[in-house]
Amino acid sequence: TSVFEGREVCNDFSLGIELEGTDDLPFTDAQYAALIDLTRQLLVAYPAITRHRICGHSDIAPGRKTDPGPAFDWTRFRSALQDGGHE
C-alpha cells in the first residue's frame, strides 16, 4: 500500500507526473525543463502543494515502486524550483 504523511490511498489526493525513461538512465535536459515548468504551474494552481511535499513514487510505495529512480537528479530539480529560473 502507498503511504504519504500518514495517509493511505495516495491516488485519491495526489498529482502524478510521468517521465518517460528508466530508473538507471539520466533524464534529458528537455525532460527536466518540461518537468520544472509543469511543477511551477502546479505549485501556483494548487497552493497546498509545497516543495517539501514533492516526492517520488518510490517514496510513497517503497518496495513496490522505484521511480523516478537513482538517475533522477533531485538536487537539480529542487534547485531549479527554488531559484525560479527556467532550464
PDB file of N, CA and C in Angstrom:
ATOM      1  N   THR A   1       0.839  -1.183   0.000  1.00  0.00           N
ATOM      2  CA  THR A   1       0.000   0.000   0.000  1.00  0.00           C
ATOM      3  C   THR A   1       0.886   1.248   0.000  1.00  0.00           C
ATOM      4  N   SER A   2       0.369   2.313  -0.530  1.00  0.00           N
ATOM      5  CA  SER A   2       1.139   3.556  -0.562  1.00  0.00           C
ATOM      6  C   SER A   2       0.737   4.438   0.613  1.00  0.00           C
ATOM      7  N   VAL A   3       1.740   5.120   1.171  1.00  0.00           N
ATOM      8  CA  VAL A   3       1.508   5.973   2.336  1.00  0.00           C
ATOM      9  C   VAL A   3       2.311   7.256   2.174  1.00  0.00           C
ATOM     10  N   PHE A   4       1.671   8.402   2.451  1.00  0.00           N
ATOM     11  CA  PHE A   4       2.359   9.685   2.427  1.00  0.00           C
ATOM     12  C   PHE A   4       1.875  10.499   3.608  1.00  0.00           C
ATOM     13  N   GLU A   5       2.802  10.934   4.435  1.00  0.00           N
ATOM     14  CA  GLU A   5       2.491  11.725   5.627  1.00  0.00           C
ATOM     15  C   GLU A   5       1.371  11.080   6.444  1.00  0.00           C
ATOM     16  N   GLY A   6       1.444   9.748   6.570  1.00  0.00           N
ATOM     17  CA  GLY A   6       0.483   9.017   7.371  1.00  0.00           C
ATOM     18  C   GLY A   6      -0.833   8.699   6.685  1.00  0.00           C
ATOM     19  N   ARG A   7      -1.004   9.127   5.461  1.00  0.00           N
ATOM     20  CA  ARG A   7      -2.258   8.877   4.742  1.00  0.00           C
ATOM     21  C   ARG A   7      -2.071   7.771   3.721  1.00  0.00           C
ATOM     22  N   GLU A   8      -3.084   6.922   3.605  1.00  0.00           N
ATOM     23  CA  GLU A   8      -3.065   5.849   2.621  1.00  0.00           C
ATOM     24  C   GLU A   8      -3.925   6.232   1.418  1.00  0.00           C
ATOM     25  N   VAL A   9      -3.971   5.386   0.423  1.00  0.00           N
ATOM     26  CA  VAL A   9      -4.736   5.587  -0.808  1.00  0.00           C
ATOM     27  C   VAL A   9      -4.337   6.927  -1.439  1.00  0.00           C
ATOM     28  N   CYS A  10      -3.061   7.066  -1.683  1.00  0.00           N
ATOM     29  CA  CYS A  10      -2.494   8.339  -2.136  1.00  0.00           C
ATOM     30  C   CYS A  10      -3.060   8.837  -3.461  1.00  0.00           C
ATOM     31  N   ASN A  11      -3.513   7.938  -4.314  1.00  0.00           N
ATOM     32  CA  ASN A  11      -4.050   8.384  -5.600  1.00  0.00           C
ATOM     33  C   ASN A  11      -5.300   9.237  -5.441  1.00  0.00           C
ATOM     34  N   ASP A  12      -5.938   9.173  -4.281  1.00  0.00           N
ATOM     35  CA  ASP A  12      -7.135   9.978  -4.046  1.00  0.00           C
ATOM     36  C   ASP A  12      -6.830  11.447  -3.769  1.00  0.00           C
ATOM     37  N   PHE A  13      -5.580  11.771  -3.431  1.00  0.00           N
ATOM     38  CA  PHE A  13      -5.275  13.158  -3.073  1.00  0.00           C
ATOM     39  C   PHE A  13      -3.944  13.650  -3.637  1.00  0.00           C
ATOM     40  N   SER A  14      -3.423  12.978  -4.632  1.00  0.00           N
ATOM     41  CA  SER A  14      -2.121  13.388  -5.163  1.00  0.00           C
ATOM     42  C   SER A  14      -2.186  13.629  -6.667  1.00  0.00           C
ATOM     43  N   LEU A  15      -1.172  14.323  -7.149  1.00  0.00           N
ATOM     44  CA  LEU A  15      -0.981  14.517  -8.584  1.00  0.00           C
ATOM     45  C   LEU A  15       0.263  13.746  -8.982  1.00  0.00           C
ATOM     46  N   GLY A  16       0.214  13.109 -10.118  1.00  0.00           N
ATOM     47  CA  GLY A  16       1.372  12.369 -10.600  1.00  0.00           C
ATOM     48  C   GLY A  16       1.867  12.944 -11.916  1.00  0.00           C
ATOM     49  N   ILE A  17       3.165  12.993 -12.062  1.00  0.00           N
ATOM     50  CA  ILE A  17       3.787  13.436 -13.310  1.00  0.00           C
ATOM     51  C   ILE A  17       4.651  12.289 -13.808  1.00  0.00           C
ATOM     52  N   GLU A  18       4.446  11.903 -15.030  1.00  0.00           N
ATOM     53  CA  GLU A  18       5.175  10.781 -15.617  1.00  0.00           C
ATOM     54  C   GLU A  18       6.321  11.288 -16.480  1.00  0.00           C
ATOM     55  N   LEU A  19       7.504  10.727 -16.261  1.00  0.00           N
ATOM     56  CA  LEU A  19       8.660  10.985 -17.124  1.00  0.00           C
ATOM     57  C   LEU A  19       8.989   9.691 -17.851  1.00  0.00           C
ATOM     58  N   GLU A  20       9.130   9.763 -19.150  1.00  0.00           N
ATOM     59  CA  GLU A  20       9.494   8.581 -19.933  1.00  0.00           C
ATOM     60  C   GLU A  20      10.960   8.262 -19.707  1.00  0.00           C
ATOM     61  N   GLY A  21      11.260   7.013 -19.405  1.00  0.00           N
ATOM     62  CA  GLY A  21      12.644   6.616 -19.203  1.00  0.00           C
ATOM     63  C   GLY A  21      12.745   5.406 -18.305  1.00  0.00           C
ATOM     64  N   THR A  22      13.959   5.161 -17.838  1.00  0.00           N
ATOM     65  CA  THR A  22      14.203   4.043 -16.934  1.00  0.00           C
ATOM     66  C   THR A  22      14.892   4.569 -15.680  1.00  0.00           C
ATOM     67  N   ASP A  23      14.904   3.759 -14.656  1.00  0.00           N
ATOM     68  CA  ASP A  23      15.477   4.174 -13.373  1.00  0.00           C
ATOM     69  C   ASP A  23      16.965   4.477 -13.436  1.00  0.00           C
ATOM     70  N   ASP A  24      17.664   3.824 -14.354  1.00  0.00           N
ATOM     71  CA  ASP A  24      19.122   3.903 -14.323  1.00  0.00           C
ATOM     72  C   ASP A  24      19.753   4.740 -15.430  1.00  0.00           C
ATOM     73  N   LEU A  25      18.949   5.376 -16.264  1.00  0.00           N
ATOM     74  CA  LEU A  25      19.483   6.260 -17.303  1.00  0.00           C
ATOM     75  C   LEU A  25      19.100   7.697 -16.987  1.00  0.00           C
ATOM     76  N   PRO A  26      20.024   8.629 -17.120  1.00  0.00           N
ATOM     77  CA  PRO A  26      19.720  10.032 -16.819  1.00  0.00           C
ATOM     78  C   PRO A  26      18.600  10.572 -17.709  1.00  0.00           C
ATOM     79  N   PHE A  27      17.806  11.445 -17.141  1.00  0.00           N
ATOM     80  CA  PHE A  27      16.775  12.124 -17.912  1.00  0.00           C
ATOM     81  C   PHE A  27      17.425  13.247 -18.712  1.00  0.00           C
ATOM     82  N   THR A  28      16.761  13.668 -19.780  1.00  0.00           N
ATOM     83  CA  THR A  28      17.331  14.677 -20.675  1.00  0.00           C
ATOM     84  C   THR A  28      17.092  16.086 -20.137  1.00  0.00           C
ATOM     85  N   ASP A  29      17.845  17.031 -20.669  1.00  0.00           N
ATOM     86  CA  ASP A  29      17.643  18.437 -20.306  1.00  0.00           C
ATOM     87  C   ASP A  29      16.222  18.873 -20.633  1.00  0.00           C
ATOM     88  N   ALA A  30      15.705  18.420 -21.771  1.00  0.00           N
ATOM     89  CA  ALA A  30      14.336  18.778 -22.167  1.00  0.00           C
ATOM     90  C   ALA A  30      13.316  18.228 -21.169  1.00  0.00           C
ATOM     91  N   GLN A  31      13.553  17.025 -20.657  1.00  0.00           N
ATOM     92  CA  GLN A  31      12.639  16.459 -19.667  1.00  0.00           C
ATOM     93  C   GLN A  31      12.663  17.267 -18.371  1.00  0.00           C
ATOM     94  N   TYR A  32      13.847  17.639 -17.923  1.00  0.00           N
ATOM     95  CA  TYR A  32      13.930  18.461 -16.711  1.00  0.00           C
ATOM     96  C   TYR A  32      13.250  19.811 -16.926  1.00  0.00           C
ATOM     97  N   ALA A  33      13.468  20.426 -18.076  1.00  0.00           N
ATOM     98  CA  ALA A  33      12.859  21.735 -18.354  1.00  0.00           C
ATOM     99  C   ALA A  33      11.339  21.632 -18.328  1.00  0.00           C
ATOM    100  N   ALA A  34      10.792  20.604 -18.976  1.00  0.00           N
ATOM    101  CA  ALA A  34       9.341  20.424 -19.001  1.00  0.00           C
ATOM    102  C   ALA A  34       8.806  20.120 -17.605  1.00  0.00           C
ATOM    103  N   LEU A  35       9.511  19.268 -16.868  1.00  0.00           N
ATOM    104  CA  LEU A  35       9.097  18.920 -15.510  1.00  0.00           C
ATOM    105  C   LEU A  35       9.094  20.144 -14.604  1.00  0.00           C
ATOM    106  N   ILE A  36      10.123  20.939 -14.689  1.00  0.00           N
ATOM    107  CA  ILE A  36      10.232  22.129 -13.846  1.00  0.00           C
ATOM    108  C   ILE A  36       9.140  23.133 -14.190  1.00  0.00           C
ATOM    109  N   ASP A  37       8.903  23.364 -15.468  1.00  0.00           N
ATOM    110  CA  ASP A  37       7.845  24.301 -15.868  1.00  0.00           C
ATOM    111  C   ASP A  37       6.472  23.815 -15.404  1.00  0.00           C
ATOM    112  N   LEU A  38       6.183  22.531 -15.612  1.00  0.00           N
ATOM    113  CA  LEU A  38       4.895  21.983 -15.188  1.00  0.00           C
ATOM    114  C   LEU A  38       4.748  22.047 -13.671  1.00  0.00           C
ATOM    115  N   THR A  39       5.788  21.704 -12.957  1.00  0.00           N
ATOM    116  CA  THR A  39       5.728  21.735 -11.494  1.00  0.00           C
ATOM    117  C   THR A  39       5.465  23.144 -10.995  1.00  0.00           C
ATOM    118  N   ARG A  40       6.091  24.126 -11.587  1.00  0.00           N
ATOM    119  CA  ARG A  40       5.839  25.520 -11.187  1.00  0.00           C
ATOM    120  C   ARG A  40       4.378  25.901 -11.403  1.00  0.00           C
ATOM    121  N   GLN A  41       3.823  25.478 -12.526  1.00  0.00           N
ATOM    122  CA  GLN A  41       2.414  25.770 -12.794  1.00  0.00           C
ATOM    123  C   GLN A  41       1.511  25.105 -11.755  1.00  0.00           C
ATOM    124  N   LEU A  42       1.833  23.868 -11.392  1.00  0.00           N
ATOM    125  CA  LEU A  42       1.039  23.161 -10.390  1.00  0.00           C
ATOM    126  C   LEU A  42       1.163  23.805  -9.012  1.00  0.00           C
ATOM    127  N   LEU A  43       2.342  24.293  -8.668  1.00  0.00           N
ATOM    128  CA  LEU A  43       2.528  24.968  -7.381  1.00  0.00           C
ATOM    129  C   LEU A  43       1.679  26.232  -7.289  1.00  0.00           C
ATOM    130  N   VAL A  44       1.508  26.918  -8.409  1.00  0.00           N
ATOM    131  CA  VAL A  44       0.663  28.117  -8.434  1.00  0.00           C
ATOM    132  C   VAL A  44      -0.816  27.724  -8.363  1.00  0.00           C
ATOM    133  N   ALA A  45      -1.200  26.715  -9.127  1.00  0.00           N
ATOM    134  CA  ALA A  45      -2.603  26.305  -9.198  1.00  0.00           C
ATOM    135  C   ALA A  45      -3.092  25.632  -7.915  1.00  0.00           C
ATOM    136  N   TYR A  46      -2.194  24.959  -7.209  1.00  0.00           N
ATOM    137  CA  TYR A  46      -2.554  24.212  -6.002  1.00  0.00           C
ATOM    138  C   TYR A  46      -1.645  24.638  -4.855  1.00  0.00           C
ATOM    139  N   PRO A  47      -1.989  25.721  -4.159  1.00  0.00           N
ATOM    140  CA  PRO A  47      -1.117  26.258  -3.104  1.00  0.00           C
ATOM    141  C   PRO A  47      -0.823  25.280  -1.964  1.00  0.00           C
ATOM    142  N   ALA A  48      -1.653  24.270  -1.770  1.00  0.00           N
ATOM    143  CA  ALA A  48      -1.390  23.291  -0.708  1.00  0.00           C
ATOM    144  C   ALA A  48      -0.187  22.415  -1.031  1.00  0.00           C
ATOM    145  N   ILE A  49       0.196  22.384  -2.302  1.00  0.00           N
ATOM    146  CA  ILE A  49       1.394  21.638  -2.677  1.00  0.00           C
ATOM    147  C   ILE A  49       2.593  22.536  -2.400  1.00  0.00           C
ATOM    148  N   THR A  50       3.448  22.085  -1.530  1.00  0.00           N
ATOM    149  CA  THR A  50       4.667  22.829  -1.234  1.00  0.00           C
ATOM    150  C   THR A  50       5.862  22.021  -1.728  1.00  0.00           C
ATOM    151  N   ARG A  51       6.991  22.673  -1.873  1.00  0.00           N
ATOM    152  CA  ARG A  51       8.180  21.986  -2.393  1.00  0.00           C
ATOM    153  C   ARG A  51       8.565  20.778  -1.542  1.00  0.00           C
ATOM    154  N   HIS A  52       8.407  20.897  -0.232  1.00  0.00           N
ATOM    155  CA  HIS A  52       8.814  19.771   0.626  1.00  0.00           C
ATOM    156  C   HIS A  52       7.867  18.578   0.515  1.00  0.00           C
ATOM    157  N   ARG A  53       6.686  18.775  -0.062  1.00  0.00           N
ATOM    158  CA  ARG A  53       5.735  17.668  -0.228  1.00  0.00           C
ATOM    159  C   ARG A  53       5.887  16.966  -1.573  1.00  0.00           C
ATOM    160  N   ILE A  54       6.774  17.458  -2.413  1.00  0.00           N
ATOM    161  CA  ILE A  54       7.020  16.822  -3.709  1.00  0.00           C
ATOM    162  C   ILE A  54       7.957  15.638  -3.485  1.00  0.00           C
ATOM    163  N   CYS A  55       7.532  14.480  -3.939  1.00  0.00           N
ATOM    164  CA  CYS A  55       8.331  13.275  -3.715  1.00  0.00           C
ATOM    165  C   CYS A  55       8.184  12.328  -4.898  1.00  0.00           C
ATOM    166  N   GLY A  56       8.960  11.290  -4.865  1.00  0.00           N
ATOM    167  CA  GLY A  56       8.902  10.283  -5.915  1.00  0.00           C
ATOM    168  C   GLY A  56       7.923   9.175  -5.578  1.00  0.00           C
ATOM    169  N   HIS A  57       7.526   8.456  -6.606  1.00  0.00           N
ATOM    170  CA  HIS A  57       6.671   7.290  -6.425  1.00  0.00           C
ATOM    171  C   HIS A  57       7.310   6.326  -5.427  1.00  0.00           C
ATOM    172  N   SER A  58       8.632   6.231  -5.501  1.00  0.00           N
ATOM    173  CA  SER A  58       9.372   5.335  -4.608  1.00  0.00           C
ATOM    174  C   SER A  58       9.259   5.751  -3.142  1.00  0.00           C
ATOM    175  N   ASP A  59       8.959   7.012  -2.890  1.00  0.00           N
ATOM    176  CA  ASP A  59       8.838   7.494  -1.509  1.00  0.00           C
ATOM    177  C   ASP A  59       7.513   7.097  -0.868  1.00  0.00           C
ATOM    178  N   ILE A  60       6.469   6.958  -1.678  1.00  0.00           N
ATOM    179  CA  ILE A  60       5.162   6.621  -1.112  1.00  0.00           C
ATOM    180  C   ILE A  60       4.837   5.138  -1.229  1.00  0.00           C
ATOM    181  N   ALA A  61       5.571   4.433  -2.073  1.00  0.00           N
ATOM    182  CA  ALA A  61       5.346   2.990  -2.225  1.00  0.00           C
ATOM    183  C   ALA A  61       6.681   2.256  -2.281  1.00  0.00           C
ATOM    184  N   PRO A  62       7.505   2.413  -1.241  1.00  0.00           N
ATOM    185  CA  PRO A  62       8.814   1.751  -1.258  1.00  0.00           C
ATOM    186  C   PRO A  62       8.659   0.234  -1.327  1.00  0.00           C
ATOM    187  N   GLY A  63       9.553  -0.376  -2.081  1.00  0.00           N
ATOM    188  CA  GLY A  63       9.482  -1.812  -2.260  1.00  0.00           C
ATOM    189  C   GLY A  63       8.589  -2.225  -3.407  1.00  0.00           C
ATOM    190  N   ARG A  64       7.665  -1.349  -3.775  1.00  0.00           N
ATOM    191  CA  ARG A  64       6.752  -1.624  -4.879  1.00  0.00           C
ATOM    192  C   ARG A  64       7.053  -0.769  -6.094  1.00  0.00           C
ATOM    193  N   LYS A  65       7.457   0.472  -5.872  1.00  0.00           N
ATOM    194  CA  LYS A  65       7.742   1.419  -6.952  1.00  0.00           C
ATOM    195  C   LYS A  65       9.167   1.926  -6.807  1.00  0.00           C
ATOM    196  N   THR A  66       9.829   2.160  -7.931  1.00  0.00           N
ATOM    197  CA  THR A  66      11.226   2.609  -7.889  1.00  0.00           C
ATOM    198  C   THR A  66      11.433   3.962  -8.555  1.00  0.00           C
ATOM    199  N   ASP A  67      10.427   4.464  -9.231  1.00  0.00           N
ATOM    200  CA  ASP A  67      10.604   5.713  -9.972  1.00  0.00           C
ATOM    201  C   ASP A  67      10.527   6.938  -9.061  1.00  0.00           C
ATOM    202  N   PRO A  68      11.246   7.961  -9.390  1.00  0.00           N
ATOM    203  CA  PRO A  68      11.951   8.194 -10.647  1.00  0.00           C
ATOM    204  C   PRO A  68      13.303   7.505 -10.749  1.00  0.00           C
ATOM    205  N   GLY A  69      13.778   6.883  -9.699  1.00  0.00           N
ATOM    206  CA  GLY A  69      15.000   6.095  -9.760  1.00  0.00           C
ATOM    207  C   GLY A  69      16.256   6.853  -9.387  1.00  0.00           C
ATOM    208  N   PRO A  70      17.348   6.122  -9.235  1.00  0.00           N
ATOM    209  CA  PRO A  70      18.606   6.730  -8.793  1.00  0.00           C
ATOM    210  C   PRO A  70      19.223   7.695  -9.800  1.00  0.00           C
ATOM    211  N   ALA A  71      18.826   7.620 -11.057  1.00  0.00           N
ATOM    212  CA  ALA A  71      19.390   8.529 -12.065  1.00  0.00           C
ATOM    213  C   ALA A  71      18.706   9.895 -12.050  1.00  0.00           C
ATOM    214  N   PHE A  72      17.588  10.010 -11.321  1.00  0.00           N
ATOM    215  CA  PHE A  72      16.903  11.305 -11.264  1.00  0.00           C
ATOM    216  C   PHE A  72      17.687  12.256 -10.369  1.00  0.00           C
ATOM    217  N   ASP A  73      17.930  13.449 -10.860  1.00  0.00           N
ATOM    218  CA  ASP A  73      18.735  14.442 -10.144  1.00  0.00           C
ATOM    219  C   ASP A  73      17.824  15.344  -9.303  1.00  0.00           C
ATOM    220  N   TRP A  74      17.534  14.882  -8.081  1.00  0.00           N
ATOM    221  CA  TRP A  74      16.661  15.650  -7.188  1.00  0.00           C
ATOM    222  C   TRP A  74      17.259  17.017  -6.865  1.00  0.00           C
ATOM    223  N   THR A  75      18.559  17.095  -6.709  1.00  0.00           N
ATOM    224  CA  THR A  75      19.200  18.375  -6.398  1.00  0.00           C
ATOM    225  C   THR A  75      18.968  19.371  -7.525  1.00  0.00           C
ATOM    226  N   ARG A  76      19.160  18.943  -8.737  1.00  0.00           N
ATOM    227  CA  ARG A  76      18.922  19.811  -9.899  1.00  0.00           C
ATOM    228  C   ARG A  76      17.469  20.274  -9.933  1.00  0.00           C
ATOM    229  N   PHE A  77      16.550  19.346  -9.756  1.00  0.00           N
ATOM    230  CA  PHE A  77      15.126  19.654  -9.801  1.00  0.00           C
ATOM    231  C   PHE A  77      14.737  20.627  -8.693  1.00  0.00           C
ATOM    232  N   ARG A  78      15.099  20.321  -7.471  1.00  0.00           N
ATOM    233  CA  ARG A  78      14.731  21.185  -6.338  1.00  0.00           C
ATOM    234  C   ARG A  78      15.408  22.554  -6.420  1.00  0.00           C
ATOM    235  N   SER A  79      16.647  22.592  -6.869  1.00  0.00           N
ATOM    236  CA  SER A  79      17.350  23.872  -7.025  1.00  0.00           C
ATOM    237  C   SER A  79      16.658  24.749  -8.054  1.00  0.00           C
ATOM    238  N   ALA A  80      16.242  24.154  -9.151  1.00  0.00           N
ATOM    239  CA  ALA A  80      15.562  24.923 -10.194  1.00  0.00           C
ATOM    240  C   ALA A  80      14.235  25.474  -9.688  1.00  0.00           C
ATOM    241  N   LEU A  81      13.517  24.701  -8.888  1.00  0.00           N
ATOM    242  CA  LEU A  81      12.266  25.198  -8.320  1.00  0.00           C
ATOM    243  C   LEU A  81      12.538  26.328  -7.336  1.00  0.00           C
ATOM    244  N   GLN A  82      13.569  26.172  -6.539  1.00  0.00           N
ATOM    245  CA  GLN A  82      13.934  27.189  -5.548  1.00  0.00           C
ATOM    246  C   GLN A  82      14.371  28.485  -6.215  1.00  0.00           C
ATOM    247  N   ASP A  83      15.196  28.353  -7.269  1.00  0.00           N
ATOM    248  CA  ASP A  83      15.750  29.522  -7.950  1.00  0.00           C
ATOM    249  C   ASP A  83      14.706  30.292  -8.742  1.00  0.00           C
ATOM    250  N   GLY A  84      13.686  29.612  -9.218  1.00  0.00           N
ATOM    251  CA  GLY A  84      12.664  30.278 -10.003  1.00  0.00           C
ATOM    252  C   GLY A  84      13.044  30.496 -11.452  1.00  0.00           C
ATOM    253  N   GLY A  85      14.262  30.143 -11.824  1.00  0.00           N
ATOM    254  CA  GLY A  85      14.695  30.293 -13.210  1.00  0.00           C
ATOM    255  C   GLY A  85      14.253  29.123 -14.055  1.00  0.00           C
ATOM    256  N   HIS A  86      14.269  29.319 -15.341  1.00  0.00           N
ATOM    257  CA  HIS A  86      13.895  28.248 -16.265  1.00  0.00           C
ATOM    258  C   HIS A  86      15.134  27.537 -16.746  1.00  0.00           C
ATOM    259  N   GLU A  87      15.008  26.241 -16.947  1.00  0.00           N
ATOM    260  CA  GLU A  87      16.123  25.474 -17.505  1.00  0.00           C
ATOM    261  C   GLU A  87      15.960  25.388 -18.999  1.00  0.00           C
TER     262      GLU A  87
END
